[in-house]
Amino acid sequence: MTDFYQPDLGSNPDDPFARDADGKLVRRSFWLDMSDRSMVLALTAGIGAHLTNEQKRAHLADVRRDHLVDQVCVQEVLPPED
């Protein structure tokens, strides 16, 4: 199964990342109604900023916005190997 973010629905039942028992987004229209720019801002500086890169990639693929991965996911810079 894909590594989707699992929000704590006890503390925030209206979380836009909520998924049903089958793993489908409950508030899919929330994401589909966003422009690309709004999606990038939401996942970098807004409600999705705390997600891991893998969770962001999975979410973007699920809402068919894979083309935004480079703008949303932070590139990790690794030091050179000795």
PDB file of N, CA and C in Angstrom:
ATOM      1  N   MET A   1       0.834  -1.187   0.000  1.00  0.00           N
ATOM      2  CA  MET A   1       0.000   0.000   0.000  1.00  0.00           C
ATOM      3  C   MET A   1       0.871   1.239   0.000  1.00  0.00           C
ATOM      4  N   THR A   2       0.393   2.275  -0.644  1.00  0.00           N
ATOM      5  CA  THR A   2       1.124   3.523  -0.732  1.00  0.00           C
ATOM      6  C   THR A   2       1.203   4.182   0.641  1.00  0.00           C
ATOM      7  N   ASP A   3       2.289   4.898   0.876  1.00  0.00           N
ATOM      8  CA  ASP A   3       2.535   5.547   2.164  1.00  0.00           C
ATOM      9  C   ASP A   3       1.811   6.886   2.240  1.00  0.00           C
ATOM     10  N   PHE A   4       0.475   6.840   2.395  1.00  0.00           N
ATOM     11  CA  PHE A   4      -0.289   8.068   2.546  1.00  0.00           C
ATOM     12  C   PHE A   4      -0.195   8.550   3.981  1.00  0.00           C
ATOM     13  N   TYR A   5      -0.282   9.854   4.161  1.00  0.00           N
ATOM     14  CA  TYR A   5      -0.323  10.444   5.493  1.00  0.00           C
ATOM     15  C   TYR A   5      -1.617  10.022   6.175  1.00  0.00           C
ATOM     16  N   GLN A   6      -1.528   9.595   7.423  1.00  0.00           N
ATOM     17  CA  GLN A   6      -2.691   9.184   8.211  1.00  0.00           C
ATOM     18  C   GLN A   6      -2.931  10.216   9.315  1.00  0.00           C
ATOM     19  N   PRO A   7      -3.864  11.159   9.102  1.00  0.00           N
ATOM     20  CA  PRO A   7      -4.105  12.187  10.110  1.00  0.00           C
ATOM     21  C   PRO A   7      -4.819  11.634  11.339  1.00  0.00           C
ATOM     22  N   ASP A   8      -4.704  12.336  12.448  1.00  0.00           N
ATOM     23  CA  ASP A   8      -5.409  11.995  13.675  1.00  0.00           C
ATOM     24  C   ASP A   8      -6.806  12.606  13.584  1.00  0.00           C
ATOM     25  N   LEU A   9      -7.763  11.810  13.197  1.00  0.00           N
ATOM     26  CA  LEU A   9      -9.121  12.320  12.997  1.00  0.00           C
ATOM     27  C   LEU A   9      -9.841  12.577  14.317  1.00  0.00           C
ATOM     28  N   GLY A  10      -9.290  12.087  15.422  1.00  0.00           N
ATOM     29  CA  GLY A  10      -9.864  12.368  16.737  1.00  0.00           C
ATOM     30  C   GLY A  10      -9.686  13.827  17.115  1.00  0.00           C
ATOM     31  N   SER A  11      -8.538  14.394  16.775  1.00  0.00           N
ATOM     32  CA  SER A  11      -8.274  15.789  17.102  1.00  0.00           C
ATOM     33  C   SER A  11      -8.735  16.747  16.011  1.00  0.00           C
ATOM     34  N   ASN A  12      -8.831  16.254  14.756  1.00  0.00           N
ATOM     35  CA  ASN A  12      -9.279  17.101  13.652  1.00  0.00           C
ATOM     36  C   ASN A  12     -10.081  16.249  12.658  1.00  0.00           C
ATOM     37  N   PRO A  13     -11.389  16.089  12.925  1.00  0.00           N
ATOM     38  CA  PRO A  13     -12.204  15.230  12.056  1.00  0.00           C
ATOM     39  C   PRO A  13     -12.387  15.770  10.632  1.00  0.00           C
ATOM     40  N   ASP A  14     -12.102  17.040  10.411  1.00  0.00           N
ATOM     41  CA  ASP A  14     -12.258  17.644   9.088  1.00  0.00           C
ATOM     42  C   ASP A  14     -10.949  17.751   8.324  1.00  0.00           C
ATOM     43  N   ASP A  15      -9.953  16.989   8.726  1.00  0.00           N
ATOM     44  CA  ASP A  15      -8.648  17.042   8.068  1.00  0.00           C
ATOM     45  C   ASP A  15      -8.801  16.718   6.576  1.00  0.00           C
ATOM     46  N   PRO A  16      -8.262  17.572   5.696  1.00  0.00           N
ATOM     47  CA  PRO A  16      -8.399  17.328   4.255  1.00  0.00           C
ATOM     48  C   PRO A  16      -7.610  16.123   3.752  1.00  0.00           C
ATOM     49  N   PHE A  17      -6.762  15.544   4.590  1.00  0.00           N
ATOM     50  CA  PHE A  17      -6.017  14.351   4.210  1.00  0.00           C
ATOM     51  C   PHE A  17      -6.734  13.062   4.619  1.00  0.00           C
ATOM     52  N   ALA A  18      -7.936  13.177   5.191  1.00  0.00           N
ATOM     53  CA  ALA A  18      -8.685  12.013   5.676  1.00  0.00           C
ATOM     54  C   ALA A  18      -8.991  11.048   4.533  1.00  0.00           C
ATOM     55  N   ARG A  19      -8.881   9.753   4.837  1.00  0.00           N
ATOM     56  CA  ARG A  19      -9.156   8.695   3.869  1.00  0.00           C
ATOM     57  C   ARG A  19     -10.157   7.713   4.454  1.00  0.00           C
ATOM     58  N   ASP A  20     -10.939   7.092   3.575  1.00  0.00           N
ATOM     59  CA  ASP A  20     -11.911   6.105   4.029  1.00  0.00           C
ATOM     60  C   ASP A  20     -11.233   4.754   4.228  1.00  0.00           C
ATOM     61  N   ALA A  21     -12.025   3.737   4.523  1.00  0.00           N
ATOM     62  CA  ALA A  21     -11.484   2.405   4.793  1.00  0.00           C
ATOM     63  C   ALA A  21     -10.770   1.806   3.582  1.00  0.00           C
ATOM     64  N   ASP A  22     -11.135   2.247   2.385  1.00  0.00           N
ATOM     65  CA  ASP A  22     -10.499   1.757   1.156  1.00  0.00           C
ATOM     66  C   ASP A  22      -9.275   2.566   0.760  1.00  0.00           C
ATOM     67  N   GLY A  23      -8.938   3.595   1.546  1.00  0.00           N
ATOM     68  CA  GLY A  23      -7.773   4.416   1.261  1.00  0.00           C
ATOM     69  C   GLY A  23      -8.034   5.561   0.297  1.00  0.00           C
ATOM     70  N   LYS A  24      -9.300   5.852   0.004  1.00  0.00           N
ATOM     71  CA  LYS A  24      -9.634   6.943  -0.919  1.00  0.00           C
ATOM     72  C   LYS A  24      -9.866   8.231  -0.141  1.00  0.00           C
ATOM     73  N   LEU A  25      -9.403   9.345  -0.715  1.00  0.00           N
ATOM     74  CA  LEU A  25      -9.587  10.643  -0.072  1.00  0.00           C
ATOM     75  C   LEU A  25     -11.063  10.932   0.140  1.00  0.00           C
ATOM     76  N   VAL A  26     -11.421  11.324   1.358  1.00  0.00           N
ATOM     77  CA  VAL A  26     -12.803  11.662   1.677  1.00  0.00           C
ATOM     78  C   VAL A  26     -13.138  13.037   1.107  1.00  0.00           C
ATOM     79  N   ARG A  27     -12.212  13.970   1.208  1.00  0.00           N
ATOM     80  CA  ARG A  27     -12.435  15.344   0.741  1.00  0.00           C
ATOM     81  C   ARG A  27     -11.660  15.618  -0.555  1.00  0.00           C
ATOM     82  N   ARG A  28     -11.829  14.715  -1.504  1.00  0.00           N
ATOM     83  CA  ARG A  28     -11.128  14.792  -2.780  1.00  0.00           C
ATOM     84  C   ARG A  28     -11.392  16.115  -3.505  1.00  0.00           C
ATOM     85  N   SER A  29     -12.617  16.601  -3.465  1.00  0.00           N
ATOM     86  CA  SER A  29     -12.956  17.843  -4.172  1.00  0.00           C
ATOM     87  C   SER A  29     -12.190  19.044  -3.608  1.00  0.00           C
ATOM     88  N   PHE A  30     -11.846  18.986  -2.312  1.00  0.00           N
ATOM     89  CA  PHE A  30     -11.036  20.051  -1.706  1.00  0.00           C
ATOM     90  C   PHE A  30      -9.743  20.222  -2.487  1.00  0.00           C
ATOM     91  N   TRP A  31      -9.108  19.090  -2.839  1.00  0.00           N
ATOM     92  CA  TRP A  31      -7.831  19.115  -3.543  1.00  0.00           C
ATOM     93  C   TRP A  31      -8.001  19.372  -5.031  1.00  0.00           C
ATOM     94  N   LEU A  32      -9.033  18.789  -5.623  1.00  0.00           N
ATOM     95  CA  LEU A  32      -9.231  18.939  -7.067  1.00  0.00           C
ATOM     96  C   LEU A  32      -9.642  20.353  -7.450  1.00  0.00           C
ATOM     97  N   ASP A  33     -10.249  21.087  -6.525  1.00  0.00           N
ATOM     98  CA  ASP A  33     -10.659  22.462  -6.800  1.00  0.00           C
ATOM     99  C   ASP A  33      -9.504  23.460  -6.699  1.00  0.00           C
ATOM    100  N   MET A  34      -8.363  23.034  -6.198  1.00  0.00           N
ATOM    101  CA  MET A  34      -7.206  23.920  -6.047  1.00  0.00           C
ATOM    102  C   MET A  34      -6.469  24.097  -7.373  1.00  0.00           C
ATOM    103  N   SER A  35      -5.929  25.287  -7.550  1.00  0.00           N
ATOM    104  CA  SER A  35      -5.042  25.511  -8.688  1.00  0.00           C
ATOM    105  C   SER A  35      -3.687  24.886  -8.356  1.00  0.00           C
ATOM    106  N   ASP A  36      -2.836  24.735  -9.355  1.00  0.00           N
ATOM    107  CA  ASP A  36      -1.498  24.185  -9.107  1.00  0.00           C
ATOM    108  C   ASP A  36      -0.733  25.040  -8.107  1.00  0.00           C
ATOM    109  N   ARG A  37      -0.829  26.335  -8.249  1.00  0.00           N
ATOM    110  CA  ARG A  37      -0.103  27.245  -7.346  1.00  0.00           C
ATOM    111  C   ARG A  37      -0.578  27.083  -5.905  1.00  0.00           C
ATOM    112  N   SER A  38      -1.900  26.976  -5.715  1.00  0.00           N
ATOM    113  CA  SER A  38      -2.444  26.780  -4.371  1.00  0.00           C
ATOM    114  C   SER A  38      -2.005  25.436  -3.796  1.00  0.00           C
ATOM    115  N   MET A  39      -1.954  24.429  -4.640  1.00  0.00           N
ATOM    116  CA  MET A  39      -1.522  23.099  -4.202  1.00  0.00           C
ATOM    117  C   MET A  39      -0.073  23.141  -3.726  1.00  0.00           C
ATOM    118  N   VAL A  40       0.786  23.814  -4.471  1.00  0.00           N
ATOM    119  CA  VAL A  40       2.194  23.935  -4.081  1.00  0.00           C
ATOM    120  C   VAL A  40       2.303  24.662  -2.742  1.00  0.00           C
ATOM    121  N   LEU A  41       1.584  25.749  -2.579  1.00  0.00           N
ATOM    122  CA  LEU A  41       1.626  26.500  -1.318  1.00  0.00           C
ATOM    123  C   LEU A  41       1.079  25.677  -0.158  1.00  0.00           C
ATOM    124  N   ALA A  42      -0.002  24.941  -0.377  1.00  0.00           N
ATOM    125  CA  ALA A  42      -0.589  24.133   0.688  1.00  0.00           C
ATOM    126  C   ALA A  42       0.363  23.044   1.164  1.00  0.00           C
ATOM    127  N   LEU A  43       1.127  22.473   0.249  1.00  0.00           N
ATOM    128  CA  LEU A  43       2.019  21.374   0.612  1.00  0.00           C
ATOM    129  C   LEU A  43       3.421  21.826   1.012  1.00  0.00           C
ATOM    130  N   THR A  44       3.761  23.080   0.784  1.00  0.00           N
ATOM    131  CA  THR A  44       5.089  23.552   1.181  1.00  0.00           C
ATOM    132  C   THR A  44       5.052  24.496   2.383  1.00  0.00           C
ATOM    133  N   ALA A  45       4.021  25.320   2.474  1.00  0.00           N
ATOM    134  CA  ALA A  45       3.965  26.306   3.554  1.00  0.00           C
ATOM    135  C   ALA A  45       2.672  26.233   4.349  1.00  0.00           C
ATOM    136  N   GLY A  46       1.769  25.344   3.960  1.00  0.00           N
ATOM    137  CA  GLY A  46       0.463  25.283   4.609  1.00  0.00           C
ATOM    138  C   GLY A  46       0.230  23.964   5.320  1.00  0.00           C
ATOM    139  N   ILE A  47      -0.960  23.425   5.124  1.00  0.00           N
ATOM    140  CA  ILE A  47      -1.408  22.248   5.868  1.00  0.00           C
ATOM    141  C   ILE A  47      -0.595  20.982   5.604  1.00  0.00           C
ATOM    142  N   GLY A  48       0.127  20.934   4.508  1.00  0.00           N
ATOM    143  CA  GLY A  48       0.912  19.741   4.202  1.00  0.00           C
ATOM    144  C   GLY A  48       2.398  19.906   4.399  1.00  0.00           C
ATOM    145  N   ALA A  49       2.818  21.015   4.965  1.00  0.00           N
ATOM    146  CA  ALA A  49       4.255  21.279   5.119  1.00  0.00           C
ATOM    147  C   ALA A  49       4.950  20.239   5.995  1.00  0.00           C
ATOM    148  N   HIS A  50       4.239  19.639   6.941  1.00  0.00           N
ATOM    149  CA  HIS A  50       4.849  18.673   7.864  1.00  0.00           C
ATOM    150  C   HIS A  50       4.944  17.264   7.295  1.00  0.00           C
ATOM    151  N   LEU A  51       4.368  17.019   6.133  1.00  0.00           N
ATOM    152  CA  LEU A  51       4.420  15.687   5.520  1.00  0.00           C
ATOM    153  C   LEU A  51       5.817  15.379   5.008  1.00  0.00           C
ATOM    154  N   THR A  52       6.149  14.098   4.950  1.00  0.00           N
ATOM    155  CA  THR A  52       7.429  13.688   4.376  1.00  0.00           C
ATOM    156  C   THR A  52       7.343  13.804   2.860  1.00  0.00           C
ATOM    157  N   ASN A  53       8.496  13.790   2.203  1.00  0.00           N
ATOM    158  CA  ASN A  53       8.508  13.844   0.740  1.00  0.00           C
ATOM    159  C   ASN A  53       7.742  12.669   0.133  1.00  0.00           C
ATOM    160  N   GLU A  54       7.877  11.485   0.706  1.00  0.00           N
ATOM    161  CA  GLU A  54       7.170  10.311   0.193  1.00  0.00           C
ATOM    162  C   GLU A  54       5.661  10.479   0.315  1.00  0.00           C
ATOM    163  N   GLN A  55       5.203  11.038   1.431  1.00  0.00           N
ATOM    164  CA  GLN A  55       3.772  11.263   1.619  1.00  0.00           C
ATOM    165  C   GLN A  55       3.259  12.319   0.648  1.00  0.00           C
ATOM    166  N   LYS A  56       4.063  13.354   0.417  1.00  0.00           N
ATOM    167  CA  LYS A  56       3.669  14.392  -0.550  1.00  0.00           C
ATOM    168  C   LYS A  56       3.604  13.819  -1.963  1.00  0.00           C
ATOM    169  N   ARG A  57       4.582  13.005  -2.335  1.00  0.00           N
ATOM    170  CA  ARG A  57       4.574  12.366  -3.661  1.00  0.00           C
ATOM    171  C   ARG A  57       3.343  11.494  -3.839  1.00  0.00           C
ATOM    172  N   ALA A  58       3.031  10.693  -2.828  1.00  0.00           N
ATOM    173  CA  ALA A  58       1.873   9.806  -2.902  1.00  0.00           C
ATOM    174  C   ALA A  58       0.586  10.616  -3.028  1.00  0.00           C
ATOM    175  N   HIS A  59       0.483  11.694  -2.272  1.00  0.00           N
ATOM    176  CA  HIS A  59      -0.716  12.527  -2.325  1.00  0.00           C
ATOM    177  C   HIS A  59      -0.850  13.197  -3.692  1.00  0.00           C
ATOM    178  N   LEU A  60       0.237  13.738  -4.211  1.00  0.00           N
ATOM    179  CA  LEU A  60       0.187  14.389  -5.520  1.00  0.00           C
ATOM    180  C   LEU A  60      -0.172  13.395  -6.619  1.00  0.00           C
ATOM    181  N   ALA A  61       0.349  12.194  -6.544  1.00  0.00           N
ATOM    182  CA  ALA A  61       0.006  11.181  -7.541  1.00  0.00           C
ATOM    183  C   ALA A  61      -1.469  10.812  -7.440  1.00  0.00           C
ATOM    184  N   ASP A  62      -1.974  10.737  -6.222  1.00  0.00           N
ATOM    185  CA  ASP A  62      -3.370  10.371  -6.012  1.00  0.00           C
ATOM    186  C   ASP A  62      -4.338  11.408  -6.578  1.00  0.00           C
ATOM    187  N   VAL A  63      -3.979  12.688  -6.491  1.00  0.00           N
ATOM    188  CA  VAL A  63      -4.852  13.742  -7.039  1.00  0.00           C
ATOM    189  C   VAL A  63      -4.410  14.159  -8.442  1.00  0.00           C
ATOM    190  N   ARG A  64      -3.581  13.321  -9.046  1.00  0.00           N
ATOM    191  CA  ARG A  64      -3.112  13.501 -10.429  1.00  0.00           C
ATOM    192  C   ARG A  64      -2.415  14.847 -10.657  1.00  0.00           C
ATOM    193  N   ARG A  65      -1.521  15.173  -9.737  1.00  0.00           N
ATOM    194  CA  ARG A  65      -0.710  16.385  -9.865  1.00  0.00           C
ATOM    195  C   ARG A  65       0.772  16.033  -9.771  1.00  0.00           C
ATOM    196  N   ASP A  66       1.145  14.888 -10.342  1.00  0.00           N
ATOM    197  CA  ASP A  66       2.537  14.421 -10.293  1.00  0.00           C
ATOM    198  C   ASP A  66       3.516  15.455 -10.823  1.00  0.00           C
ATOM    199  N   HIS A  67       3.058  16.293 -11.742  1.00  0.00           N
ATOM    200  CA  HIS A  67       3.942  17.283 -12.354  1.00  0.00           C
ATOM    201  C   HIS A  67       4.409  18.350 -11.360  1.00  0.00           C
ATOM    202  N   LEU A  68       3.852  18.367 -10.153  1.00  0.00           N
ATOM    203  CA  LEU A  68       4.242  19.354  -9.145  1.00  0.00           C
ATOM    204  C   LEU A  68       5.274  18.828  -8.150  1.00  0.00           C
ATOM    205  N   VAL A  69       5.673  17.584  -8.287  1.00  0.00           N
ATOM    206  CA  VAL A  69       6.581  16.966  -7.314  1.00  0.00           C
ATOM    207  C   VAL A  69       7.865  17.776  -7.138  1.00  0.00           C
ATOM    208  N   ASP A  70       8.474  18.218  -8.213  1.00  0.00           N
ATOM    209  CA  ASP A  70       9.729  18.966  -8.110  1.00  0.00           C
ATOM    210  C   ASP A  70       9.562  20.294  -7.381  1.00  0.00           C
ATOM    211  N   GLN A  71       8.385  20.889  -7.458  1.00  0.00           N
ATOM    212  CA  GLN A  71       8.135  22.156  -6.777  1.00  0.00           C
ATOM    213  C   GLN A  71       7.774  21.963  -5.308  1.00  0.00           C
ATOM    214  N   VAL A  72       7.240  20.803  -4.981  1.00  0.00           N
ATOM    215  CA  VAL A  72       6.746  20.548  -3.625  1.00  0.00           C
ATOM    216  C   VAL A  72       7.775  19.848  -2.744  1.00  0.00           C
ATOM    217  N   CYS A  73       8.454  18.855  -3.281  1.00  0.00           N
ATOM    218  CA  CYS A  73       9.369  18.040  -2.476  1.00  0.00           C
ATOM    219  C   CYS A  73      10.753  18.669  -2.404  1.00  0.00           C
ATOM    220  N   VAL A  74      11.237  18.787  -1.181  1.00  0.00           N
ATOM    221  CA  VAL A  74      12.549  19.369  -0.939  1.00  0.00           C
ATOM    222  C   VAL A  74      13.615  18.373  -1.381  1.00  0.00           C
ATOM    223  N   GLN A  75      14.579  18.852  -2.134  1.00  0.00           N
ATOM    224  CA  GLN A  75      15.683  18.000  -2.555  1.00  0.00           C
ATOM    225  C   GLN A  75      16.683  17.869  -1.409  1.00  0.00           C
ATOM    226  N   GLU A  76      17.053  16.650  -1.111  1.00  0.00           N
ATOM    227  CA  GLU A  76      18.043  16.417  -0.081  1.00  0.00           C
ATOM    228  C   GLU A  76      19.427  16.497  -0.702  1.00  0.00           C
ATOM    229  N   VAL A  77      20.313  17.254  -0.096  1.00  0.00           N
ATOM    230  CA  VAL A  77      21.682  17.382  -0.584  1.00  0.00           C
ATOM    231  C   VAL A  77      22.555  16.500   0.308  1.00  0.00           C
ATOM    232  N   LEU A  78      23.162  15.529  -0.328  1.00  0.00           N
ATOM    233  CA  LEU A  78      24.015  14.610   0.396  1.00  0.00           C
ATOM    234  C   LEU A  78      25.472  15.040   0.283  1.00  0.00           C
ATOM    235  N   PRO A  79      26.219  14.916   1.353  1.00  0.00           N
ATOM    236  CA  PRO A  79      27.646  15.274   1.281  1.00  0.00           C
ATOM    237  C   PRO A  79      28.378  14.261   0.398  1.00  0.00           C
ATOM    238  N   PRO A  80      29.474  14.678  -0.198  1.00  0.00           N
ATOM    239  CA  PRO A  80      30.243  13.744  -1.033  1.00  0.00           C
ATOM    240  C   PRO A  80      30.813  12.604  -0.200  1.00  0.00           C
ATOM    241  N   GLU A  81      30.874  11.449  -0.818  1.00  0.00           N
ATOM    242  CA  GLU A  81      31.454  10.294  -0.121  1.00  0.00           C
ATOM    243  C   GLU A  81      32.972  10.366  -0.173  1.00  0.00           C
ATOM    244  N   ASP A  82      33.599   9.929   0.889  1.00  0.00           N
ATOM    245  CA  ASP A  82      35.079   9.950   0.929  1.00  0.00           C
ATOM    246  C   ASP A  82      35.666   8.772   0.248  1.00  0.00           C
TER     247      ASP A  82
END
